[in-house]
Amino acid sequence: MVLAAEHPQKLRTLSLVLAAPLTISKSLGTAWNCGFGSLEEALEKLGPVEWARQTSASTRFPPGTDPALIEWYAAKMT
């Protein structure tokens, strides 16, 4: 995914199945870190549900997404 994002001219096609785009860009990586030094530290300190809750609005869903959908998604992280 990183290769496709950073060097699209090197690929003709790309097929992904259930692939989470972890830190494709520095800004996304920063958002997914939730202010911690790394994604791993954020997950350890927050736990997967709170991490999903905090990152969903800025990385997974468009602005204006129903908060109930974000909460439903976060709850699925258990």
Protein backbone atom coordinates (compact mmCIF):
# COMPACT_ATOMS: atom_id res chain seq x y z
CA MET A 1 0.00 0.00 0.00
CA VAL A 2 2.82 2.37 0.80
CA LEU A 3 4.46 1.62 -2.55
CA ALA A 4 1.19 2.35 -4.35
CA ALA A 5 0.63 5.57 -2.40
CA GLU A 6 4.15 6.90 -2.80
CA HIS A 7 5.02 5.55 -6.27
CA PRO A 8 1.78 4.98 -8.22
CA GLN A 9 3.68 5.02 -11.50
CA LYS A 10 5.32 1.71 -10.53
CA LEU A 11 2.03 -0.20 -10.40
CA ARG A 12 -0.57 -0.94 -13.01
CA THR A 13 -3.12 -2.37 -10.56
CA LEU A 14 -3.42 -3.06 -6.85
CA SER A 15 -5.88 -5.42 -5.18
CA LEU A 16 -6.39 -5.22 -1.43
CA VAL A 17 -8.63 -7.39 0.70
CA LEU A 18 -9.34 -6.23 4.26
CA ALA A 19 -6.09 -4.28 4.33
CA ALA A 20 -5.88 -1.50 6.89
CA PRO A 21 -3.88 1.48 5.60
CA LEU A 22 -1.51 1.90 8.52
CA THR A 23 0.56 5.07 8.34
CA ILE A 24 0.53 5.61 4.60
CA SER A 25 1.42 9.23 5.24
CA LYS A 26 3.09 11.11 8.06
CA SER A 27 -0.11 13.01 8.82
CA LEU A 28 -2.13 9.80 9.05
CA GLY A 29 0.58 8.23 11.21
CA THR A 30 0.44 11.21 13.55
CA ALA A 31 -3.34 10.99 13.77
CA TRP A 32 -3.21 7.27 14.50
CA ASN A 33 -0.62 7.80 17.24
CA CYS A 34 -3.09 9.92 19.27
CA GLY A 35 -0.28 12.04 20.66
CA PHE A 36 1.82 9.05 21.74
CA GLY A 37 5.24 8.19 20.35
CA SER A 38 3.96 5.35 18.18
CA LEU A 39 0.84 3.50 17.11
CA GLU A 40 1.84 0.59 19.33
CA GLU A 41 2.12 2.86 22.38
CA ALA A 42 -1.25 4.46 21.64
CA LEU A 43 -2.92 1.05 21.41
CA GLU A 44 -1.25 -0.12 24.62
CA LYS A 45 -2.21 2.97 26.63
CA LEU A 46 -5.70 3.56 25.23
CA GLY A 47 -6.80 0.04 24.40
CA PRO A 48 -8.29 -0.81 21.02
CA VAL A 49 -11.80 0.53 21.66
CA GLU A 50 -10.74 3.99 22.85
CA TRP A 51 -8.06 4.13 20.15
CA ALA A 52 -10.69 3.40 17.48
CA ARG A 53 -13.04 5.97 19.02
CA GLN A 54 -10.35 8.67 18.96
CA THR A 55 -9.08 7.94 15.45
CA SER A 56 -12.28 7.15 13.55
CA ALA A 57 -13.57 10.68 13.05
CA SER A 58 -10.28 11.92 11.60
CA THR A 59 -9.06 8.87 9.67
CA ARG A 60 -11.88 6.51 8.71
CA PHE A 61 -15.12 8.43 8.28
CA PRO A 62 -15.96 11.69 6.52
CA PRO A 63 -16.79 14.86 8.45
CA GLY A 64 -20.32 14.87 9.77
CA THR A 65 -20.50 11.11 10.29
CA ASP A 66 -23.17 10.13 12.82
CA PRO A 67 -21.39 9.72 16.18
CA ALA A 68 -23.44 6.55 16.76
CA LEU A 69 -21.73 4.94 13.75
CA ILE A 70 -18.30 5.82 15.15
CA GLU A 71 -19.28 4.41 18.53
CA TRP A 72 -20.60 1.22 16.88
CA TYR A 73 -17.34 0.85 14.94
CA ALA A 74 -15.21 1.40 18.07
CA ALA A 75 -17.21 -1.19 20.00
CA LYS A 76 -16.34 -3.78 17.33
CA MET A 77 -12.67 -3.49 18.32
CA THR A 78 -13.14 -5.69 21.38
